[in-house]
Protein backbone atom coordinates (compact mmCIF):
# COMPACT_ATOMS: atom_id res chain seq x y z
CA UNK A 1 82.35 7.81 119.45
CA UNK A 2 83.46 9.53 116.25
CA UNK A 3 82.07 12.87 117.46
CA UNK A 4 83.99 12.54 120.75
CA UNK A 5 87.29 12.03 118.89
CA UNK A 6 86.63 15.12 116.77
CA UNK A 7 85.91 17.25 119.87
CA UNK A 8 89.05 15.95 121.56
CA UNK A 9 91.21 16.84 118.56
CA UNK A 10 89.64 20.29 118.39
CA UNK A 11 90.44 20.95 122.06
CA UNK A 12 94.02 19.77 121.62
CA UNK A 13 94.48 22.14 118.64
CA UNK A 14 93.59 25.29 120.62
CA UNK A 15 97.04 25.71 122.26
CA UNK A 16 98.67 25.13 118.89
CA UNK A 17 96.49 27.81 117.28
CA UNK A 18 97.24 30.22 120.12
CA UNK A 19 100.96 29.55 119.77
CA UNK A 20 100.71 30.16 116.01
CA UNK A 21 98.91 33.45 116.62
CA UNK A 22 101.65 34.59 118.99
CA UNK A 23 104.26 33.70 116.41
CA UNK A 24 102.35 35.59 113.67
CA UNK A 25 102.61 38.98 115.44
CA UNK A 26 106.31 39.50 114.76
CA UNK A 27 105.71 38.52 111.11
CA UNK A 28 103.07 41.27 110.74
CA UNK A 29 105.38 43.86 112.30
CA UNK A 30 108.24 42.72 110.09
CA UNK A 31 106.08 43.10 106.99
CA UNK A 32 105.13 46.64 108.03
CA UNK A 33 108.78 47.53 108.52
CA UNK A 34 109.62 45.96 105.16
CA UNK A 35 106.94 48.04 103.44
CA UNK A 36 108.28 51.17 105.12
CA UNK A 37 111.75 50.29 103.87
CA UNK A 38 110.45 49.82 100.34
CA UNK A 39 108.77 53.25 100.46
CA UNK A 40 111.95 54.87 101.76
CA UNK A 41 113.99 53.29 98.99
CA UNK A 42 111.39 54.36 96.43
CA UNK A 43 111.60 57.96 97.70
CA UNK A 44 115.38 57.90 97.21
CA UNK A 45 115.14 56.39 93.74
CA UNK A 46 112.41 58.76 92.54
CA UNK A 47 114.20 61.83 93.91
CA UNK A 48 117.48 60.90 92.24
CA UNK A 49 115.81 59.92 88.95
CA UNK A 50 114.03 63.29 89.01
CA UNK A 51 117.38 64.99 89.70
CA UNK A 52 118.79 63.26 86.61
CA UNK A 53 115.86 64.52 84.53
CA UNK A 54 116.42 68.07 85.77
CA UNK A 55 120.14 67.76 85.04
CA UNK A 56 119.23 66.80 81.46
CA UNK A 57 117.52 70.19 81.22
CA UNK A 58 121.03 71.67 81.02
CA UNK A 59 121.21 70.13 77.54
CA UNK A 60 117.83 71.64 76.73
CA UNK A 61 118.90 75.12 77.82
CA UNK A 62 122.12 74.78 75.82
CA UNK A 63 120.21 73.80 72.67
CA UNK A 64 117.62 76.57 73.04
CA UNK A 65 120.24 79.25 73.63
CA UNK A 66 122.50 78.09 70.83
CA UNK A 67 119.63 77.74 68.36
CA UNK A 68 118.20 81.18 69.10
CA UNK A 69 121.60 82.89 68.75
CA UNK A 70 124.15 83.13 65.94
CA UNK A 71 126.52 80.38 64.85
CA UNK A 72 129.59 82.44 65.72
CA UNK A 73 128.69 82.21 69.42
CA UNK A 74 127.59 78.57 69.74
CA UNK A 75 130.84 77.31 71.33
CA UNK A 76 130.54 80.08 73.90
CA UNK A 77 126.96 79.03 74.69
CA UNK A 78 128.05 75.41 75.20
CA UNK A 79 130.93 76.45 77.46
CA UNK A 80 128.63 78.61 79.56
CA UNK A 81 126.11 75.82 80.07
CA UNK A 82 128.91 73.43 80.98
CA UNK A 83 130.55 75.82 83.40
CA UNK A 84 127.48 77.27 85.12
CA UNK A 85 126.57 73.75 86.23
CA UNK A 86 130.13 72.76 87.11
CA UNK A 87 131.10 75.98 88.88
CA UNK A 88 127.65 76.47 90.36
CA UNK A 89 127.57 72.96 91.84
CA UNK A 90 130.86 73.47 93.65
CA UNK A 91 129.74 76.76 95.18
CA UNK A 92 126.31 75.39 96.05
CA UNK A 93 128.07 72.52 97.86
CA UNK A 94 130.43 74.86 99.70
CA UNK A 95 128.10 77.73 100.61
CA UNK A 96 124.69 77.77 98.94
CA UNK A 97 123.18 74.62 100.40
CA UNK A 98 123.98 75.73 103.95
CA UNK A 99 122.51 79.20 103.36
CA UNK A 100 119.37 77.69 101.85
CA UNK A 101 118.64 74.74 104.12
CA UNK A 102 120.80 75.16 107.20
CA UNK A 103 119.36 75.81 110.64
CA UNK A 104 118.27 79.39 111.22
CA UNK A 105 116.92 81.45 114.09
CA UNK A 106 116.05 84.50 111.96
CA UNK A 107 114.24 83.03 108.94
CA UNK A 108 116.57 84.91 106.58
CA UNK A 109 119.28 82.31 105.81
CA UNK A 110 120.81 79.14 107.20
CA UNK A 111 124.01 79.02 109.22
CA UNK A 112 124.85 75.28 109.19
CA UNK A 113 125.49 72.54 106.65
CA UNK A 114 128.26 74.21 104.66
CA UNK A 115 130.44 71.80 102.62
CA UNK A 116 127.75 69.17 103.36
CA UNK A 117 129.19 69.06 106.86
CA UNK A 118 125.94 67.69 108.28
CA UNK A 119 126.62 64.43 106.48
CA UNK A 120 129.40 62.34 108.02
CA UNK A 121 130.05 58.61 108.24
CA UNK A 122 126.90 57.17 109.82
CA UNK A 123 124.91 60.32 109.05
CA UNK A 124 121.58 60.58 107.24
CA UNK A 125 122.12 59.68 103.55
CA UNK A 126 118.90 61.52 102.67
CA UNK A 127 120.91 64.74 102.92
CA UNK A 128 122.96 63.58 99.93
CA UNK A 129 119.92 62.70 97.82
CA UNK A 130 118.25 65.98 98.75
CA UNK A 131 121.44 67.94 97.99
CA UNK A 132 121.65 66.40 94.52
CA UNK A 133 118.08 67.36 93.70
CA UNK A 134 118.51 70.90 94.98
CA UNK A 135 121.85 71.30 93.23
CA UNK A 136 120.34 70.82 89.76
CA UNK A 137 117.73 73.43 90.67
CA UNK A 138 120.46 75.92 91.56
CA UNK A 139 122.16 75.27 88.22
CA UNK A 140 118.86 75.96 86.44
CA UNK A 141 118.61 79.40 88.04
CA UNK A 142 122.15 80.20 86.91
CA UNK A 143 121.77 79.00 83.33
CA UNK A 144 118.64 81.12 82.79
CA UNK A 145 120.88 84.17 83.09
CA UNK A 146 123.13 82.84 80.32
CA UNK A 147 120.38 83.16 77.71
CA UNK A 148 119.46 86.72 78.64
CA UNK A 149 123.09 87.87 78.43
CA UNK A 150 124.13 85.83 75.41
CA UNK A 151 126.47 86.95 72.58
CA UNK A 152 128.34 89.78 74.32
CA UNK A 153 129.38 88.68 77.84
CA UNK A 154 132.99 88.21 78.94
CA UNK A 155 133.50 84.53 79.76
CA UNK A 156 135.44 85.19 82.97
CA UNK A 157 132.66 87.49 84.13
CA UNK A 158 130.14 84.74 83.39
CA UNK A 159 132.01 82.23 85.55
CA UNK A 160 132.16 84.74 88.40
CA UNK A 161 128.47 85.61 88.43
CA UNK A 162 127.42 81.96 88.05
CA UNK A 163 129.36 81.20 91.21
CA UNK A 164 127.76 84.05 93.17
CA UNK A 165 124.23 83.24 91.99
CA UNK A 166 124.56 79.61 93.12
CA UNK A 167 126.38 80.51 96.33
CA UNK A 168 124.32 83.47 97.55
CA UNK A 169 121.58 85.03 95.41
CA UNK A 170 119.52 81.92 94.66
CA UNK A 171 120.05 80.19 98.05
CA UNK A 172 119.13 83.20 100.19
CA UNK A 173 115.74 83.61 98.55
CA UNK A 174 115.34 79.84 98.51
CA UNK A 175 115.79 79.78 102.28
CA UNK A 176 112.94 82.28 102.64
CA UNK A 177 110.53 80.02 100.75
CA UNK A 178 111.81 76.45 101.16
CA UNK A 179 114.11 76.35 104.19
CA UNK A 180 111.90 73.98 106.19
CA UNK A 181 112.33 71.22 103.60
CA UNK A 182 115.40 70.29 105.65
CA UNK A 183 116.44 72.29 108.72
CA UNK A 184 115.41 75.91 108.18
CA UNK A 185 112.17 77.88 108.45
CA UNK A 186 112.07 80.89 106.14
CA UNK A 187 109.98 83.95 106.74
CA UNK A 188 107.99 83.61 103.51
CA UNK A 189 106.97 80.02 104.14
CA UNK A 190 105.91 81.00 107.65
CA UNK A 191 103.42 83.35 105.99
CA UNK A 192 102.05 80.49 103.86
CA UNK A 193 103.80 81.26 100.57
CA UNK A 194 102.95 78.75 97.80
CA UNK A 195 105.68 77.88 95.32
CA UNK A 196 105.78 74.10 95.10
CA UNK A 197 108.52 73.64 92.51
CA UNK A 198 109.92 77.12 91.98
CA UNK A 199 108.13 79.47 89.57
CA UNK A 200 109.58 82.24 91.70
CA UNK A 201 112.31 80.52 93.72
CA UNK A 202 114.08 79.20 90.62
CA UNK A 203 112.70 80.82 87.48
CA UNK A 204 111.98 84.38 88.54
CA UNK A 205 115.30 84.53 90.40
CA UNK A 206 117.06 83.61 87.15
CA UNK A 207 114.83 85.88 85.08
CA UNK A 208 115.27 89.00 87.23
CA UNK A 209 119.02 88.38 87.54
CA UNK A 210 119.11 88.16 83.75
CA UNK A 211 117.20 91.43 83.48
CA UNK A 212 119.78 93.17 85.66
CA UNK A 213 122.56 91.71 83.52
CA UNK A 214 121.06 92.82 80.22
CA UNK A 215 120.61 96.36 81.53
CA UNK A 216 124.22 96.59 82.69
CA UNK A 217 125.49 95.01 79.45
CA UNK A 218 123.41 96.99 77.00
CA UNK A 219 122.04 95.65 73.69
CA UNK A 220 124.01 93.72 71.09
CA UNK A 221 125.62 95.63 68.23
CA UNK A 222 123.06 96.03 65.45
CA UNK A 223 120.03 95.24 67.58
CA UNK A 224 118.61 98.76 67.24
CA UNK A 225 118.54 101.20 64.34
CA UNK A 226 119.76 104.78 64.72
CA UNK A 227 116.18 105.79 65.40
CA UNK A 228 115.95 103.22 68.21
CA UNK A 229 113.71 100.74 66.42
CA UNK A 230 114.43 97.09 67.34
CA UNK A 231 115.72 94.80 64.61
CA UNK A 232 115.41 91.04 64.58
CA UNK A 233 118.67 89.09 64.91
CA UNK A 234 117.58 85.60 63.84
CA UNK A 235 118.96 82.52 65.51
CA UNK A 236 121.08 80.23 63.37
CA UNK A 237 119.38 76.88 64.05
CA UNK A 238 115.67 76.73 64.87
CA UNK A 239 115.53 72.90 64.76
CA UNK A 240 118.20 72.90 67.48
CA UNK A 241 116.14 75.34 69.54
CA UNK A 242 113.03 73.19 69.07
CA UNK A 243 114.94 70.10 70.20
CA UNK A 244 116.01 72.06 73.28
CA UNK A 245 112.40 72.93 74.12
CA UNK A 246 111.34 69.28 73.87
CA UNK A 247 114.24 68.27 76.11
CA UNK A 248 113.23 70.93 78.63
CA UNK A 249 109.61 69.74 78.50
CA UNK A 250 110.81 66.20 79.19
CA UNK A 251 113.06 67.37 82.02
CA UNK A 252 110.18 69.26 83.60
CA UNK A 253 108.61 65.89 84.42
CA UNK A 254 111.45 65.62 86.92
CA UNK A 255 111.37 69.28 87.91
CA UNK A 256 107.74 69.44 89.07
CA UNK A 257 106.76 65.89 90.10
CA UNK A 258 110.23 65.36 91.56
CA UNK A 259 109.63 68.19 94.00
CA UNK A 260 107.50 65.79 96.01
CA UNK A 261 110.82 64.05 96.85
CA UNK A 262 108.59 61.02 97.40
CA UNK A 263 107.40 58.15 95.24
CA UNK A 264 103.72 58.74 95.89
CA UNK A 265 100.44 58.94 94.01
CA UNK A 266 100.64 62.75 94.19
CA UNK A 267 102.94 62.81 91.19
CA UNK A 268 100.14 61.75 88.81
CA UNK A 269 98.24 65.04 88.94
CA UNK A 270 101.50 67.01 88.88
CA UNK A 271 102.51 65.24 85.66
CA UNK A 272 99.13 66.02 84.09
CA UNK A 273 99.12 69.67 85.19
CA UNK A 274 102.67 70.19 83.96
CA UNK A 275 102.00 68.90 80.46
CA UNK A 276 98.58 70.52 80.00
CA UNK A 277 99.95 73.93 80.94
CA UNK A 278 102.79 73.59 78.44
CA UNK A 279 100.34 72.60 75.69
CA UNK A 280 98.09 75.57 76.43
CA UNK A 281 101.09 77.90 76.51
CA UNK A 282 102.31 76.76 73.10
CA UNK A 283 98.86 77.05 71.50
CA UNK A 284 98.08 80.51 72.89
CA UNK A 285 101.55 81.86 72.06
CA UNK A 286 101.08 80.60 68.51
CA UNK A 287 97.66 82.26 68.22
CA UNK A 288 98.92 85.51 69.75
CA UNK A 289 101.92 85.68 67.40
CA UNK A 290 99.67 84.80 64.46
CA UNK A 291 97.37 87.71 65.27
CA UNK A 292 100.27 90.15 65.72
CA UNK A 293 102.62 89.07 62.91
CA UNK A 294 100.18 87.49 60.47
CA UNK A 295 101.97 84.13 60.69
CA UNK A 296 102.30 81.46 63.41
CA UNK A 297 105.83 82.32 64.56
CA UNK A 298 107.98 79.37 65.66
CA UNK A 299 110.18 81.18 68.20
CA UNK A 300 107.19 82.59 70.06
CA UNK A 301 105.40 79.23 69.98
CA UNK A 302 108.42 77.43 71.43
CA UNK A 303 108.77 80.03 74.16
CA UNK A 304 105.02 79.68 74.77
CA UNK A 305 105.51 76.05 75.74
CA UNK A 306 108.30 77.05 78.12
CA UNK A 307 106.13 79.86 79.50
CA UNK A 308 103.39 77.34 80.29
CA UNK A 309 105.90 75.11 82.04
CA UNK A 310 107.28 77.97 84.11
CA UNK A 311 103.77 79.21 84.90
CA UNK A 312 102.54 75.91 86.32
CA UNK A 313 105.68 75.20 88.35
CA UNK A 314 104.46 77.02 91.46
CA UNK A 315 100.95 75.58 91.56
CA UNK A 316 101.42 72.18 89.93
CA UNK A 317 100.47 70.37 93.16
CA UNK A 318 97.59 72.56 94.29
CA UNK A 319 95.55 73.43 91.19
CA UNK A 320 93.22 71.35 89.02
CA UNK A 321 93.98 70.23 85.45
CA UNK A 322 91.44 72.74 84.14
CA UNK A 323 93.16 75.52 86.06
CA UNK A 324 96.53 74.41 84.71
CA UNK A 325 95.25 74.97 81.17
CA UNK A 326 94.12 78.49 82.07
CA UNK A 327 97.47 79.21 83.75
CA UNK A 328 99.39 77.98 80.70
CA UNK A 329 97.16 79.87 78.28
CA UNK A 330 97.69 83.17 80.09
CA UNK A 331 101.44 82.50 80.22
CA UNK A 332 101.45 81.87 76.45
CA UNK A 333 99.90 85.28 75.78
CA UNK A 334 102.06 87.02 78.38
CA UNK A 335 105.35 85.74 76.99
CA UNK A 336 104.67 87.16 73.51
CA UNK A 337 103.63 90.56 74.87
CA UNK A 338 106.56 90.62 77.30
CA UNK A 339 109.12 89.86 74.58
CA UNK A 340 107.76 92.74 72.49
CA UNK A 341 107.70 95.05 75.52
CA UNK A 342 111.31 94.40 76.51
CA UNK A 343 112.41 94.82 72.90
CA UNK A 344 110.78 98.24 72.79
CA UNK A 345 112.43 99.46 76.00
CA UNK A 346 115.84 98.31 74.67
CA UNK A 347 116.32 95.32 76.95
CA UNK A 348 118.05 92.99 74.50
CA UNK A 349 117.29 89.42 75.59
CA UNK A 350 118.30 87.09 72.71
CA UNK A 351 116.27 84.08 73.86
CA UNK A 352 113.40 85.72 75.76
CA UNK A 353 114.64 84.43 79.13
CA UNK A 354 113.39 87.43 81.12
CA UNK A 355 109.92 87.09 79.62
CA UNK A 356 109.70 83.30 79.97
CA UNK A 357 111.23 82.93 83.42
CA UNK A 358 110.86 86.32 85.11
CA UNK A 359 107.43 87.45 83.92
CA UNK A 360 105.77 84.03 83.63
CA UNK A 361 107.39 82.90 86.87
CA UNK A 362 105.70 85.82 88.62
CA UNK A 363 102.39 85.02 86.92
CA UNK A 364 102.63 81.36 87.90
CA UNK A 365 103.27 82.25 91.52
CA UNK A 366 100.24 84.52 91.63
CA UNK A 367 98.17 81.87 89.81
CA UNK A 368 99.06 79.27 92.45
CA UNK A 369 97.10 81.42 94.89
CA UNK A 370 94.32 82.43 92.50
CA UNK A 371 93.53 78.84 91.49
CA UNK A 372 94.29 77.15 94.82
CA UNK A 373 92.17 74.01 94.83
CA UNK A 374 91.47 74.36 98.57
CA UNK A 375 90.06 77.87 98.16
CA UNK A 376 91.23 81.44 97.63
CA UNK A 377 91.45 84.16 100.25
CA UNK A 378 92.73 87.72 100.26
CA UNK A 379 95.49 86.58 102.63
CA UNK A 380 96.76 83.97 100.17
CA UNK A 381 96.87 86.50 97.34
CA UNK A 382 98.70 89.06 99.50
CA UNK A 383 101.27 86.46 100.56
CA UNK A 384 101.83 85.46 96.93
CA UNK A 385 102.27 89.11 95.90
CA UNK A 386 104.66 89.63 98.79
CA UNK A 387 106.79 86.71 97.62
CA UNK A 388 106.81 87.98 94.03
CA UNK A 389 107.86 91.46 95.12
CA UNK A 390 110.50 90.16 97.53
CA UNK A 391 111.97 88.01 94.77
CA UNK A 392 112.17 90.89 92.31
CA UNK A 393 113.72 93.31 94.79
CA UNK A 394 116.27 90.81 96.08
CA UNK A 395 117.26 89.23 92.77
CA UNK A 396 117.33 92.40 90.68
CA UNK A 397 119.08 94.65 93.19
CA UNK A 398 121.63 92.04 94.32
CA UNK A 399 122.36 91.02 90.72
CA UNK A 400 122.63 94.61 89.50
CA UNK A 401 125.22 95.33 92.20
CA UNK A 402 127.03 92.08 91.38
CA UNK A 403 127.23 92.88 87.66
CA UNK A 404 128.45 96.41 88.35
CA UNK A 405 131.20 95.06 90.62
CA UNK A 406 132.23 92.44 88.06
CA UNK A 407 132.21 95.08 85.33
CA UNK A 408 134.57 97.24 87.39
CA UNK A 409 136.84 94.28 88.22
CA UNK A 410 137.21 92.33 84.96
CA UNK A 411 134.79 93.93 82.50
CA UNK A 412 131.36 92.45 81.90
CA UNK A 413 131.23 92.92 78.15
CA UNK A 414 133.65 91.91 75.42
CA UNK A 415 135.08 94.52 73.04
CA UNK A 416 133.25 95.61 69.89
CA UNK A 417 135.80 93.77 67.73
CA UNK A 418 135.36 90.54 69.70
CA UNK A 419 131.59 90.77 69.53
CA UNK A 420 131.65 91.29 65.77
CA UNK A 421 134.07 88.42 65.23
CA UNK A 422 132.12 86.12 67.51
CA UNK A 423 132.85 84.85 70.99
CA UNK A 424 133.76 81.40 69.72
CA UNK A 425 137.00 82.72 68.25
CA UNK A 426 137.78 85.57 70.63
CA UNK A 427 136.99 83.70 73.86
CA UNK A 428 137.64 80.06 72.95
CA UNK A 429 139.77 80.02 69.80
CA UNK A 430 137.50 77.80 67.74
CA UNK A 431 134.34 77.40 65.69
CA UNK A 432 131.17 75.39 66.19
CA UNK A 433 130.86 74.49 62.50
CA UNK A 434 134.44 74.71 61.31
CA UNK A 435 134.02 73.62 57.69
CA UNK A 436 131.05 75.92 57.19
CA UNK A 437 132.39 78.97 58.96
CA UNK A 438 135.95 79.22 57.78
CA UNK A 439 136.24 81.73 54.97
CA UNK A 440 132.78 83.18 55.50
CA UNK A 441 132.08 86.25 57.59
CA UNK A 442 129.48 85.60 60.27
CA UNK A 443 126.64 88.04 60.71
């Protein structure tokens, strides 16, 4: 009898179990949708946190540039780093973002999205998060130029060229390589160009623009002897420059991993590659400078870390940790040799920006193809070389013309008297270290 009751209860429970199963289906779907929503929110948060880290790099650039230059120009350096972000952001919002990521039928530049017009009430808020991340990249390209042209550039001229770089020069090349990240489809990326976080798109653009600017400006007063031999003009605060490098290193953990624009497991290897390359760059730059100068030189070693960071930026997502060390090591040697080379040909770059960002950006872009974890082909190498060449031709030629036009309009360089006195006083009417500088003539 007991067994019969158990069987009866079991039979009666079948409809209830079936009903429960039917009710469970919507719960499973709801959980899947909830997980998707969590991932979407995580992507937003990570992208915006990374944007904040990259924005903090502005402080790093300001510290490096001020530390590697003379005290009489430190206010000017701070003003430039403030204004290239502020002015550059406005012009990137108005024009640059549309040129870089707007829809295109040619592959050369976008034609929609100006003034963030693609985002309206009820529009896709991802456009805003993506704009913020790309905006801090544009500012980075502009501020690189500041270091190369430091200590003798007219402040009004600086504001003008920062606006044009963020509005046109950087975005146009960016559209060639990255346009499909939103609405475009640039001709370089159609070829298979690899530049994950911008060794060329950001750093070489800034470096080659800086090269054009230094050529148009000419060297600082006292940089070369009458016989043409370069003379060192020491920076006034190496601890400040070192602090700037550490800030930049920290910010690069937003620059490279943040370029995933997704909170995913991919960022782990990118973090590792980024830091290992910087370490190798610093060590090899130290060794190279030690062999050449007989002492481990601090300025070269600091720039070696930056060279490693720039070098790995293109391939941080598609090379192995071992390869990242090789890439950084080569960049560390290259930056020392490049600084000495540009000094000898009378390209006066006070902070080594052309060497760090231009030369090592090109190396990093080539290395992304040479050490591609999925394999290397002649086609990949040719595409990488094409991108490097296109970047140099576009950035250098466009910037050279821009600086010549600005020079004719408002004057690119300050007067000899203003340069000798220091741009802090002549351009801004103040001192960085008032109690220490008053009554003492600055070198």
